[in-house]
Protein backbone atom coordinates (compact mmCIF):
# COMPACT_ATOMS: atom_id res chain seq x y z
CA MET A 1 -1.82 -12.70 11.18
CA LEU A 2 -4.66 -12.21 8.21
CA ARG A 3 -5.90 -14.62 5.79
CA TRP A 4 -8.36 -14.91 2.79
CA ASN A 5 -9.14 -18.40 2.09
CA ASN A 6 -10.79 -18.83 -1.31
CA VAL A 7 -12.85 -15.86 -0.92
CA LYS A 8 -15.79 -15.04 -3.36
CA LYS A 9 -17.99 -11.87 -3.57
CA ARG A 10 -20.54 -11.16 -6.52
CA PHE A 11 -22.21 -8.08 -7.18
CA GLY A 12 -25.04 -8.60 -9.25
CA SER A 13 -23.22 -9.92 -12.44
CA VAL A 14 -20.05 -9.12 -11.59
CA GLN A 15 -17.55 -11.25 -10.21
CA ALA A 16 -15.81 -8.50 -8.09
CA VAL A 17 -13.48 -11.31 -6.03
CA ASP A 18 -12.99 -14.67 -7.53
CA GLY A 19 -11.71 -17.05 -4.76
CA LEU A 20 -8.83 -14.68 -3.29
CA THR A 21 -6.80 -16.40 -1.31
CA LEU A 22 -3.96 -14.45 0.31
CA GLU A 23 -1.97 -14.61 3.68
CA ILE A 24 -0.38 -11.99 5.74
CA ARG A 25 2.71 -12.54 7.90
CA PRO A 26 3.03 -10.53 11.03
CA GLY A 27 5.03 -7.52 11.02
CA GLU A 28 5.22 -7.07 6.77
CA ILE A 29 3.98 -4.28 4.92
CA PHE A 30 2.29 -5.89 2.22
CA GLY A 31 1.27 -4.65 -1.30
CA LEU A 32 -1.96 -5.08 -2.58
CA LEU A 33 -2.41 -3.64 -6.00
CA GLY A 34 -4.24 -4.11 -8.98
CA PRO A 35 -5.97 -1.68 -11.92
CA ASN A 36 -9.32 -0.10 -10.97
CA GLY A 37 -12.19 -2.62 -10.51
CA ALA A 38 -9.29 -5.56 -9.89
CA GLY A 39 -11.36 -6.06 -6.21
CA LYS A 40 -8.80 -5.01 -3.72
CA THR A 41 -11.43 -2.58 -2.22
CA THR A 42 -13.95 -4.98 -1.95
CA SER A 43 -11.21 -7.48 -0.48
CA ILE A 44 -10.19 -4.57 2.28
CA SER A 45 -14.46 -3.92 3.30
CA MET A 46 -14.48 -7.85 3.54
CA ALA A 47 -11.39 -8.31 5.74
CA LEU A 48 -12.74 -4.79 7.93
CA GLY A 49 -15.90 -6.78 8.60
CA LEU A 50 -18.23 -4.14 6.06
CA ILE A 51 -19.02 -6.56 4.09
CA LEU A 52 -19.58 -10.31 4.09
CA PRO A 53 -18.02 -12.98 1.71
CA ASP A 54 -20.66 -14.87 -0.53
CA SER A 55 -17.96 -17.86 0.60
CA GLY A 56 -14.59 -18.48 1.55
CA GLU A 57 -13.49 -17.74 5.42
CA ILE A 58 -11.49 -14.50 6.51
CA LEU A 59 -9.20 -15.22 9.71
CA ILE A 60 -7.45 -12.29 12.11
CA GLY A 61 -5.25 -12.78 14.75
CA PRO A 62 -2.09 -14.68 15.21
CA PRO A 63 -2.29 -18.62 14.89
CA GLY A 64 -4.17 -20.44 17.17
CA SER A 65 -6.82 -17.48 17.81
CA GLU A 66 -7.58 -16.36 14.77
CA ARG A 67 -10.91 -15.33 14.48
CA PRO A 68 -13.49 -13.66 11.70
CA PRO A 69 -14.08 -10.13 11.31
CA SER A 70 -17.61 -10.53 12.68
CA ASP A 71 -16.02 -11.37 15.70
CA PRO A 72 -15.59 -7.45 17.70
CA LYS A 73 -12.72 -9.05 19.14
CA ALA A 74 -11.25 -9.49 15.99
CA ARG A 75 -11.76 -5.84 14.76
CA THR A 76 -10.03 -4.26 17.49
CA LEU A 77 -7.21 -5.66 16.05
CA LEU A 78 -7.67 -3.26 12.89
CA GLY A 79 -7.27 0.13 11.71
CA VAL A 80 -7.71 1.58 8.73
CA ALA A 81 -6.83 4.83 7.00
CA PRO A 82 -9.24 5.29 3.98
CA GLN A 83 -8.70 6.78 0.83
CA SER A 84 -12.17 9.06 1.28
CA LEU A 85 -10.72 11.21 4.07
CA ALA A 86 -12.91 10.36 7.37
CA LEU A 87 -12.58 13.66 9.17
CA TYR A 88 -14.79 16.85 10.36
CA ASP A 89 -13.30 19.79 9.37
CA GLU A 90 -14.92 22.06 11.25
CA LEU A 91 -12.78 20.44 14.48
CA THR A 92 -9.56 20.79 15.20
CA GLY A 93 -6.84 18.26 14.85
CA ARG A 94 -7.26 17.45 18.46
CA GLU A 95 -11.14 17.45 18.72
CA ASN A 96 -10.79 14.88 15.79
CA LEU A 97 -8.63 12.41 17.24
CA GLU A 98 -10.48 12.58 20.58
CA PHE A 99 -13.79 12.07 19.09
CA PHE A 100 -12.18 9.08 16.68
CA GLY A 101 -10.29 8.01 20.22
CA SER A 102 -13.20 7.68 22.18
CA LEU A 103 -15.03 5.24 19.39
CA TYR A 104 -12.11 2.51 21.26
CA SER A 105 -13.20 3.29 24.55
CA LEU A 106 -9.67 4.43 25.81
CA PRO A 107 -9.55 5.67 29.29
CA ARG A 108 -9.16 9.39 29.18
CA ALA A 109 -5.25 9.33 30.18
CA THR A 110 -4.60 6.82 27.87
CA LEU A 111 -6.47 8.43 25.36
CA ASN A 112 -4.30 11.64 26.03
CA GLU A 113 -0.94 9.71 25.58
CA ARG A 114 -1.91 8.44 22.66
CA ILE A 115 -3.31 11.50 21.25
CA ALA A 116 -0.10 13.13 22.08
CA GLU A 117 2.06 10.27 20.23
CA ALA A 118 -0.15 10.33 17.11
CA LEU A 119 0.22 13.97 16.47
CA ASN A 120 4.18 13.71 17.73
CA LEU A 121 4.46 10.92 14.99
CA THR A 122 2.76 12.47 12.12
CA GLY A 123 4.06 15.93 12.53
CA LEU A 124 1.03 17.87 13.32
CA ALA A 125 1.86 18.55 17.24
CA ASP A 126 1.93 22.15 16.61
CA ARG A 127 -1.28 22.50 14.46
CA ALA A 128 -3.39 20.43 17.14
CA HIS A 129 -4.92 22.96 18.21
CA HIS A 130 -6.33 24.58 14.39
CA ARG A 131 -9.29 23.21 12.76
CA ALA A 132 -8.69 20.56 10.10
CA VAL A 133 -10.81 22.66 7.44
CA GLY A 134 -7.59 24.54 6.99
CA TYR A 135 -5.31 21.85 7.24
CA SER A 136 -3.46 21.18 3.36
CA GLY A 137 -4.09 17.85 1.92
CA GLY A 138 -1.07 16.40 3.13
CA MET A 139 -1.56 17.40 6.45
CA LYS A 140 -5.40 15.78 6.15
CA ARG A 141 -3.96 12.29 5.26
CA ARG A 142 -1.30 12.72 8.10
CA LEU A 143 -4.36 13.62 10.59
CA ASN A 144 -6.01 10.53 8.99
CA LEU A 145 -3.67 8.45 9.46
CA ALA A 146 -3.35 9.42 12.88
CA ALA A 147 -6.69 8.69 13.65
CA ALA A 148 -6.38 5.25 12.39
CA ILE A 149 -3.74 4.27 14.82
CA LEU A 150 -4.82 5.46 18.16
CA HIS A 151 -6.01 1.90 19.46
CA ARG A 152 -2.42 0.65 18.35
CA PRO A 153 -3.73 -1.73 16.12
CA ALA A 154 -2.13 -4.90 15.26
CA VAL A 155 -3.06 -4.68 11.51
CA LEU A 156 -3.36 -1.45 10.12
CA PHE A 157 -4.90 -0.85 6.27
CA LEU A 158 -3.77 2.18 4.55
CA ASP A 159 -5.44 2.62 0.96
CA GLU A 160 -3.30 5.02 -0.87
CA PRO A 161 -2.33 6.86 1.92
CA THR A 162 -0.60 9.48 -0.48
CA ALA A 163 -3.22 10.18 -2.99
CA GLY A 164 -3.12 13.58 -3.88
CA VAL A 165 -0.16 14.98 -1.52
CA ASP A 166 2.90 16.97 -2.40
CA PRO A 167 6.49 15.27 -2.42
CA GLN A 168 7.52 16.71 1.05
CA SER A 169 4.39 15.28 2.31
CA ARG A 170 4.82 11.94 0.57
CA HIS A 171 7.92 11.09 1.87
CA ALA A 172 6.85 12.16 5.70
CA ILE A 173 4.02 9.77 4.96
CA VAL A 174 6.27 7.06 3.98
CA GLY A 175 8.37 7.63 7.00
CA ILE A 176 5.57 7.41 9.28
CA VAL A 177 4.68 3.96 7.97
CA GLU A 178 8.32 2.40 8.25
CA LYS A 179 8.28 3.80 12.04
CA LEU A 180 4.79 1.97 12.53
CA LYS A 181 6.60 -1.62 10.84
CA ALA A 182 9.35 -1.02 12.99
CA THR A 183 7.19 -0.92 15.94
CA GLY A 184 5.48 -4.37 14.58
CA THR A 185 2.46 -3.21 12.98
CA THR A 186 1.43 -5.43 9.98
CA ILE A 187 0.32 -3.22 7.35
CA ILE A 188 -1.44 -3.88 4.17
CA TYR A 189 -0.42 -1.32 1.73
CA SER A 190 -3.05 0.00 -1.44
CA THR A 191 -1.43 2.23 -3.73
CA HIS A 192 -1.14 3.08 -7.71
CA TYR A 193 2.56 4.77 -6.74
CA MET A 194 4.11 1.76 -7.87
CA GLU A 195 7.76 3.09 -6.55
CA GLU A 196 6.10 3.74 -3.67
CA ALA A 197 5.40 -0.03 -3.50
CA GLN A 198 8.57 -1.03 -4.67
CA LYS A 199 10.84 0.84 -2.20
CA MET A 200 8.55 -0.31 0.92
CA CYS A 201 6.86 -3.37 1.00
CA ASP A 202 8.16 -6.78 1.83
CA ARG A 203 5.81 -8.70 -0.28
CA ILE A 204 3.34 -7.66 -2.75
CA ALA A 205 0.41 -9.45 -4.76
CA ILE A 206 -1.05 -8.09 -7.97
CA ILE A 207 -4.98 -8.72 -8.42
CA GLU A 208 -7.29 -8.54 -11.54
CA LYS A 209 -10.65 -9.54 -11.66
CA GLY A 210 -10.69 -10.88 -7.77
CA ARG A 211 -7.84 -13.09 -8.51
CA VAL A 212 -4.40 -13.28 -7.61
CA LEU A 213 -2.01 -13.07 -10.92
CA ALA A 214 1.41 -12.73 -8.78
CA LEU A 215 2.41 -13.04 -5.41
CA ASP A 216 6.04 -12.76 -4.01
CA THR A 217 9.00 -9.85 -2.99
CA VAL A 218 9.68 -7.14 -5.29
CA ASP A 219 12.86 -8.72 -6.33
CA GLY A 220 10.97 -11.97 -6.96
CA LEU A 221 8.32 -10.10 -8.86
CA ILE A 222 10.78 -8.51 -11.19
CA ARG A 223 12.62 -11.51 -12.37
CA ALA A 224 9.55 -13.77 -13.02
CA HIS A 225 7.81 -11.06 -14.83
CA GLY A 226 9.70 -7.79 -15.46
CA GLY A 227 10.73 -8.53 -18.94
CA SER A 228 14.03 -7.49 -20.47
CA SER A 229 16.56 -4.68 -19.86
CA VAL A 230 16.77 -2.06 -22.66
CA VAL A 231 20.25 -0.73 -23.04
CA GLU A 232 20.57 2.46 -25.04
CA LEU A 233 23.67 3.21 -26.79
CA ARG A 234 25.02 6.43 -28.88
CA ARG A 235 28.25 6.47 -30.71
CA ALA A 236 30.29 9.28 -32.26
CA GLY A 237 28.47 10.22 -35.98
CA SER A 238 25.22 7.52 -35.55
CA ASP A 239 21.99 7.63 -34.00
CA SER A 240 20.92 6.46 -30.54
CA GLN A 241 20.80 2.40 -30.63
CA ARG A 242 18.10 0.31 -28.54
CA ILE A 243 19.18 -3.12 -27.69
CA VAL A 244 16.82 -5.34 -25.48
CA THR A 245 18.23 -7.88 -23.62
CA ASP A 246 18.81 -10.26 -20.58
CA ASP A 247 22.45 -9.63 -20.24
CA PRO A 248 22.93 -5.93 -20.32
CA LEU A 249 26.65 -5.98 -18.81
CA THR A 250 27.66 -8.19 -21.70
CA VAL A 251 26.08 -5.54 -24.21
CA LEU A 252 27.89 -3.14 -22.28
CA SER A 253 31.22 -4.92 -22.51
CA GLY A 254 30.67 -5.44 -26.23
CA ALA A 255 29.79 -1.64 -26.61
CA ILE A 256 32.60 -0.34 -24.62
CA SER A 257 35.32 -2.31 -26.58
CA GLY A 258 33.61 -1.84 -29.89
CA GLY A 259 35.06 2.11 -29.41
CA ASP A 260 33.44 5.32 -30.16
CA LEU A 261 31.10 4.85 -27.46
CA GLN A 262 29.94 8.33 -26.33
CA GLU A 263 26.96 7.43 -23.75
CA ALA A 264 25.28 4.26 -22.66
CA SER A 265 22.20 3.78 -20.55
CA VAL A 266 20.30 0.66 -18.81
CA LEU A 267 16.71 0.67 -18.53
CA ARG A 268 16.16 -2.08 -16.41
CA PRO A 269 12.51 -3.74 -15.18
CA ASP A 270 10.80 -2.58 -12.52
CA LEU A 271 7.71 -3.14 -10.68
CA GLU A 272 5.74 -0.79 -13.04
CA SER A 273 7.33 -3.34 -15.56
CA VAL A 274 5.88 -6.27 -13.58
CA PHE A 275 2.54 -4.27 -13.29
CA LEU A 276 1.67 -3.47 -16.75
CA ASN A 277 3.04 -6.69 -18.35
CA LEU A 278 0.77 -8.75 -15.82
CA THR A 279 -2.56 -6.23 -16.31
CA GLY A 280 -2.32 -4.82 -19.65
CA ARG A 281 -1.88 -1.33 -20.82
CA ASN A 282 -5.69 -0.75 -21.45
CA LEU A 283 -7.49 2.31 -19.74
CA ARG A 284 -9.51 1.45 -16.69
CA ASP A 285 -12.39 3.56 -15.49
């Protein structure tokens, strides 16, 4: 549905994307993860046709009818909800959707139908006639998403869709994304919230310095790059003990049979472990 083939992009002395090769399958939620400056935004911008690659190619569409982002027919397949909110605060929620929907040249009746669908999906129908300036952060995020799906894109880019929202709004947005996937929408999901990506994504690519470091399912990434589990044990009259192991069940079995065990827990590697093991723990600006 979407392919980057050996794509490169340089800005002055900075090689932002360095031979990126990825293929996004139809109908999947694909996680695009990486630290700040890893090349995620540049890769997405090239797929949207906002900037041109220096070399390589990007193709959009089903096999046999793939087109580059420079082709208007390819761009009609794309939707994007950017991290920086693309809304007009002085307009109402509905007026925002009417404006953005008009950019797709949808017939008035179709546009009205799509606006109603988007408002219901995002839980904003009861606030449709309120100005966006009075919306909470979570409501603005949901309106931003509603504007991105009015033309029913085949491929939807979501860049930090839950940034800066409360847990209730995050839960609602995750639910919306899962509903969109159920309709067959292909979703590229870029986020710094590892627990979201671990829960939602069918496959994940972790990139750094414009290259793919690892690409697999969440389980596959954890097996290959997550590291060992840690078993924490506490016995009567002694300090806690931490045991690093690849076989926590055996460790637990031995601890139980040894007697005097008061408490035990297992810390298994997760996607955050994978991310830090691959990209390091140094701060990024």
